[in-house]
Amino acid sequence: MKKTTTDWISLAKYDIDTVEAMLSAQRYIYVLFCCQQAIEKVLKAYIAEQGDEAPPLIHNLVRLRQLAFPSGGLTCDDDFLRELSAYYIHSRYLAEMIYLTDVSKEINVGFVATKTRELFQWLIEALS
């Protein structure tokens, strides 16, 4: 496995561990953000492992899935990836923080975290 791939995986594992910490602390905005980040980084690990170029600097998980699995193979609902993509935060933008604050009150953050952990685990095992 390439060093770049293992670096992406390490960052992704840090984010998935942060999901647990933020869930315990009831910091739901950051639970959602770290769910998005964990899946983004593990998909970028796939892209890094398959090619010679760095993964693109994008946050759209559906597009990253398409790049990581160009011929299919990822059994994941794109609707879930779209949902996670919406939780990406441009941290300096107040409107996004307000949006995520409102969203986190209306959704089952624990369910999103659980579904993210399951997808994360599947991706890590498939990459190994």
C-alpha atoms as a PDB file:
ATOM      1  CA  MET A   1       0.000   0.000   0.000  1.00  0.00           C
ATOM      2  CA  LYS A   2       1.296   3.465  -0.887  1.00  0.00           C
ATOM      3  CA  LYS A   3       2.335   5.865   1.854  1.00  0.00           C
ATOM      4  CA  THR A   4      -0.167   8.418   0.550  1.00  0.00           C
ATOM      5  CA  THR A   5      -2.919   5.837   0.918  1.00  0.00           C
ATOM      6  CA  THR A   6      -1.962   5.038   4.502  1.00  0.00           C
ATOM      7  CA  ASP A   7      -1.778   8.767   5.287  1.00  0.00           C
ATOM      8  CA  TRP A   8      -5.359   9.248   4.022  1.00  0.00           C
ATOM      9  CA  ILE A   9      -6.489   6.226   6.044  1.00  0.00           C
ATOM     10  CA  SER A  10      -4.861   7.596   9.204  1.00  0.00           C
ATOM     11  CA  LEU A  11      -6.639  10.910   8.769  1.00  0.00           C
ATOM     12  CA  ALA A  12      -9.931   9.133   8.087  1.00  0.00           C
ATOM     13  CA  LYS A  13      -9.552   7.014  11.243  1.00  0.00           C
ATOM     14  CA  TYR A  14      -8.891  10.159  13.263  1.00  0.00           C
ATOM     15  CA  ASP A  15     -12.150  11.619  11.923  1.00  0.00           C
ATOM     16  CA  ILE A  16     -14.181   8.474  12.658  1.00  0.00           C
ATOM     17  CA  ASP A  17     -12.799   8.454  16.219  1.00  0.00           C
ATOM     18  CA  THR A  18     -13.756  12.134  16.499  1.00  0.00           C
ATOM     19  CA  VAL A  19     -17.330  11.205  15.515  1.00  0.00           C
ATOM     20  CA  GLU A  20     -17.518   9.113  18.687  1.00  0.00           C
ATOM     21  CA  ALA A  21     -16.041  11.837  20.883  1.00  0.00           C
ATOM     22  CA  MET A  22     -18.332  14.524  19.494  1.00  0.00           C
ATOM     23  CA  LEU A  23     -21.372  12.261  19.768  1.00  0.00           C
ATOM     24  CA  SER A  24     -20.608  11.711  23.453  1.00  0.00           C
ATOM     25  CA  ALA A  25     -20.161  15.461  23.923  1.00  0.00           C
ATOM     26  CA  GLN A  26     -23.405  16.157  22.004  1.00  0.00           C
ATOM     27  CA  ARG A  27     -21.528  18.347  19.528  1.00  0.00           C
ATOM     28  CA  TYR A  28     -23.794  17.308  16.679  1.00  0.00           C
ATOM     29  CA  ILE A  29     -22.550  19.753  14.043  1.00  0.00           C
ATOM     30  CA  TYR A  30     -19.109  18.235  14.345  1.00  0.00           C
ATOM     31  CA  VAL A  31     -20.471  14.695  14.373  1.00  0.00           C
ATOM     32  CA  LEU A  32     -22.012  15.372  10.957  1.00  0.00           C
ATOM     33  CA  PHE A  33     -18.925  17.161   9.657  1.00  0.00           C
ATOM     34  CA  CYS A  34     -16.569  14.398  10.801  1.00  0.00           C
ATOM     35  CA  CYS A  35     -18.848  11.749   9.268  1.00  0.00           C
ATOM     36  CA  GLN A  36     -18.486  13.542   5.939  1.00  0.00           C
ATOM     37  CA  GLN A  37     -14.739  13.943   6.406  1.00  0.00           C
ATOM     38  CA  ALA A  38     -14.126  10.300   7.333  1.00  0.00           C
ATOM     39  CA  ILE A  39     -15.835   9.003   4.194  1.00  0.00           C
ATOM     40  CA  GLU A  40     -14.227  11.682   2.013  1.00  0.00           C
ATOM     41  CA  LYS A  41     -10.754  10.734   3.213  1.00  0.00           C
ATOM     42  CA  VAL A  42     -11.190   6.992   2.859  1.00  0.00           C
ATOM     43  CA  LEU A  43     -12.503   7.494  -0.700  1.00  0.00           C
ATOM     44  CA  LYS A  44      -9.451   9.647  -1.389  1.00  0.00           C
ATOM     45  CA  ALA A  45      -7.326   6.780  -0.045  1.00  0.00           C
ATOM     46  CA  TYR A  46      -8.849   4.563  -2.746  1.00  0.00           C
ATOM     47  CA  ILE A  47      -8.133   7.159  -5.419  1.00  0.00           C
ATOM     48  CA  ALA A  48      -4.560   7.600  -4.188  1.00  0.00           C
ATOM     49  CA  GLU A  49      -3.953   3.857  -4.165  1.00  0.00           C
ATOM     50  CA  GLN A  50      -5.230   3.390  -7.726  1.00  0.00           C
ATOM     51  CA  GLY A  51      -3.403   6.189  -9.477  1.00  0.00           C
ATOM     52  CA  ASP A  52      -0.309   8.324  -9.663  1.00  0.00           C
ATOM     53  CA  GLU A  53      -2.056  11.636  -9.140  1.00  0.00           C
ATOM     54  CA  ALA A  54      -3.296  13.155  -5.912  1.00  0.00           C
ATOM     55  CA  PRO A  55      -7.037  12.897  -5.293  1.00  0.00           C
ATOM     56  CA  PRO A  56      -8.974  15.954  -6.435  1.00  0.00           C
ATOM     57  CA  LEU A  57      -9.594  18.752  -3.967  1.00  0.00           C
ATOM     58  CA  ILE A  58     -13.350  18.241  -3.878  1.00  0.00           C
ATOM     59  CA  HIS A  59     -15.791  17.313  -1.132  1.00  0.00           C
ATOM     60  CA  ASN A  60     -18.613  15.784  -3.188  1.00  0.00           C
ATOM     61  CA  LEU A  61     -18.771  12.186  -1.981  1.00  0.00           C
ATOM     62  CA  VAL A  62     -20.763  10.909  -4.940  1.00  0.00           C
ATOM     63  CA  ARG A  63     -18.117  12.222  -7.325  1.00  0.00           C
ATOM     64  CA  LEU A  64     -15.334  10.798  -5.168  1.00  0.00           C
ATOM     65  CA  ARG A  65     -17.105   7.417  -5.136  1.00  0.00           C
ATOM     66  CA  GLN A  66     -17.299   7.539  -8.926  1.00  0.00           C
ATOM     67  CA  LEU A  67     -13.557   8.220  -9.111  1.00  0.00           C
ATOM     68  CA  ALA A  68     -12.674   5.578  -6.512  1.00  0.00           C
ATOM     69  CA  PHE A  69     -14.929   2.912  -8.032  1.00  0.00           C
ATOM     70  CA  PRO A  70     -15.217   3.791 -11.733  1.00  0.00           C
ATOM     71  CA  SER A  71     -16.727   0.427 -12.659  1.00  0.00           C
ATOM     72  CA  GLY A  72     -19.021   0.138  -9.662  1.00  0.00           C
ATOM     73  CA  GLY A  73     -18.300  -2.115  -6.725  1.00  0.00           C
ATOM     74  CA  LEU A  74     -19.284   0.193  -3.890  1.00  0.00           C
ATOM     75  CA  THR A  75     -22.605  -0.944  -2.512  1.00  0.00           C
ATOM     76  CA  CYS A  76     -23.612   2.384  -1.065  1.00  0.00           C
ATOM     77  CA  ASP A  77     -26.693   4.436  -1.545  1.00  0.00           C
ATOM     78  CA  ASP A  78     -25.753   7.644  -3.363  1.00  0.00           C
ATOM     79  CA  ASP A  79     -28.548   9.386  -1.471  1.00  0.00           C
ATOM     80  CA  PHE A  80     -26.600   8.792   1.739  1.00  0.00           C
ATOM     81  CA  LEU A  81     -23.415  10.105   0.134  1.00  0.00           C
ATOM     82  CA  ARG A  82     -25.308  13.211  -0.995  1.00  0.00           C
ATOM     83  CA  GLU A  83     -26.633  13.669   2.531  1.00  0.00           C
ATOM     84  CA  LEU A  84     -23.135  13.382   3.999  1.00  0.00           C
ATOM     85  CA  SER A  85     -21.771  15.782   1.372  1.00  0.00           C
ATOM     86  CA  ALA A  86     -24.202  18.413   2.639  1.00  0.00           C
ATOM     87  CA  TYR A  87     -22.532  18.245   6.057  1.00  0.00           C
ATOM     88  CA  TYR A  88     -19.198  19.534   4.801  1.00  0.00           C
ATOM     89  CA  ILE A  89     -18.344  22.833   6.516  1.00  0.00           C
ATOM     90  CA  HIS A  90     -16.429  25.711   5.034  1.00  0.00           C
ATOM     91  CA  SER A  91     -15.611  26.656   8.603  1.00  0.00           C
ATOM     92  CA  ARG A  92     -15.310  30.347   7.987  1.00  0.00           C
ATOM     93  CA  TYR A  93     -18.870  30.674   6.659  1.00  0.00           C
ATOM     94  CA  LEU A  94     -21.458  31.521   9.288  1.00  0.00           C
ATOM     95  CA  ALA A  95     -24.405  30.532   7.086  1.00  0.00           C
ATOM     96  CA  GLU A  96     -23.170  26.933   6.886  1.00  0.00           C
ATOM     97  CA  MET A  97     -22.776  26.711  10.650  1.00  0.00           C
ATOM     98  CA  ILE A  98     -26.314  28.022  11.129  1.00  0.00           C
ATOM     99  CA  TYR A  99     -27.609  25.542   8.530  1.00  0.00           C
ATOM    100  CA  LEU A 100     -25.915  22.597  10.242  1.00  0.00           C
ATOM    101  CA  THR A 101     -27.138  23.724  13.646  1.00  0.00           C
ATOM    102  CA  ASP A 102     -30.703  23.669  12.333  1.00  0.00           C
ATOM    103  CA  VAL A 103     -30.246  20.378  10.468  1.00  0.00           C
ATOM    104  CA  SER A 104     -28.689  18.631  13.457  1.00  0.00           C
ATOM    105  CA  LYS A 105     -31.863  19.326  15.453  1.00  0.00           C
ATOM    106  CA  GLU A 106     -34.089  17.738  12.817  1.00  0.00           C
ATOM    107  CA  ILE A 107     -32.244  14.522  11.977  1.00  0.00           C
ATOM    108  CA  ASN A 108     -31.174  11.457  13.891  1.00  0.00           C
ATOM    109  CA  VAL A 109     -27.469  12.231  14.216  1.00  0.00           C
ATOM    110  CA  GLY A 110     -26.850   8.888  15.919  1.00  0.00           C
ATOM    111  CA  PHE A 111     -28.274   7.064  12.902  1.00  0.00           C
ATOM    112  CA  VAL A 112     -26.046   9.054  10.533  1.00  0.00           C
ATOM    113  CA  ALA A 113     -23.039   8.220  12.713  1.00  0.00           C
ATOM    114  CA  THR A 114     -23.910   4.517  12.774  1.00  0.00           C
ATOM    115  CA  LYS A 115     -24.447   4.356   9.019  1.00  0.00           C
ATOM    116  CA  THR A 116     -21.180   6.230   8.481  1.00  0.00           C
ATOM    117  CA  ARG A 117     -19.266   3.813  10.737  1.00  0.00           C
ATOM    118  CA  GLU A 118     -20.688   0.847   8.800  1.00  0.00           C
ATOM    119  CA  LEU A 119     -19.717   2.328   5.436  1.00  0.00           C
ATOM    120  CA  PHE A 120     -16.325   3.364   6.798  1.00  0.00           C
ATOM    121  CA  GLN A 121     -15.620  -0.154   8.066  1.00  0.00           C
ATOM    122  CA  TRP A 122     -16.645  -1.702   4.752  1.00  0.00           C
ATOM    123  CA  LEU A 123     -14.361   0.684   2.841  1.00  0.00           C
ATOM    124  CA  ILE A 124     -11.395   0.059   5.137  1.00  0.00           C
ATOM    125  CA  GLU A 125     -11.807  -3.710   4.902  1.00  0.00           C
ATOM    126  CA  ALA A 126     -12.170  -3.581   1.117  1.00  0.00           C
ATOM    127  CA  LEU A 127      -9.033  -1.469   0.826  1.00  0.00           C
ATOM    128  CA  SER A 128      -6.915  -3.826   2.963  1.00  0.00           C
END
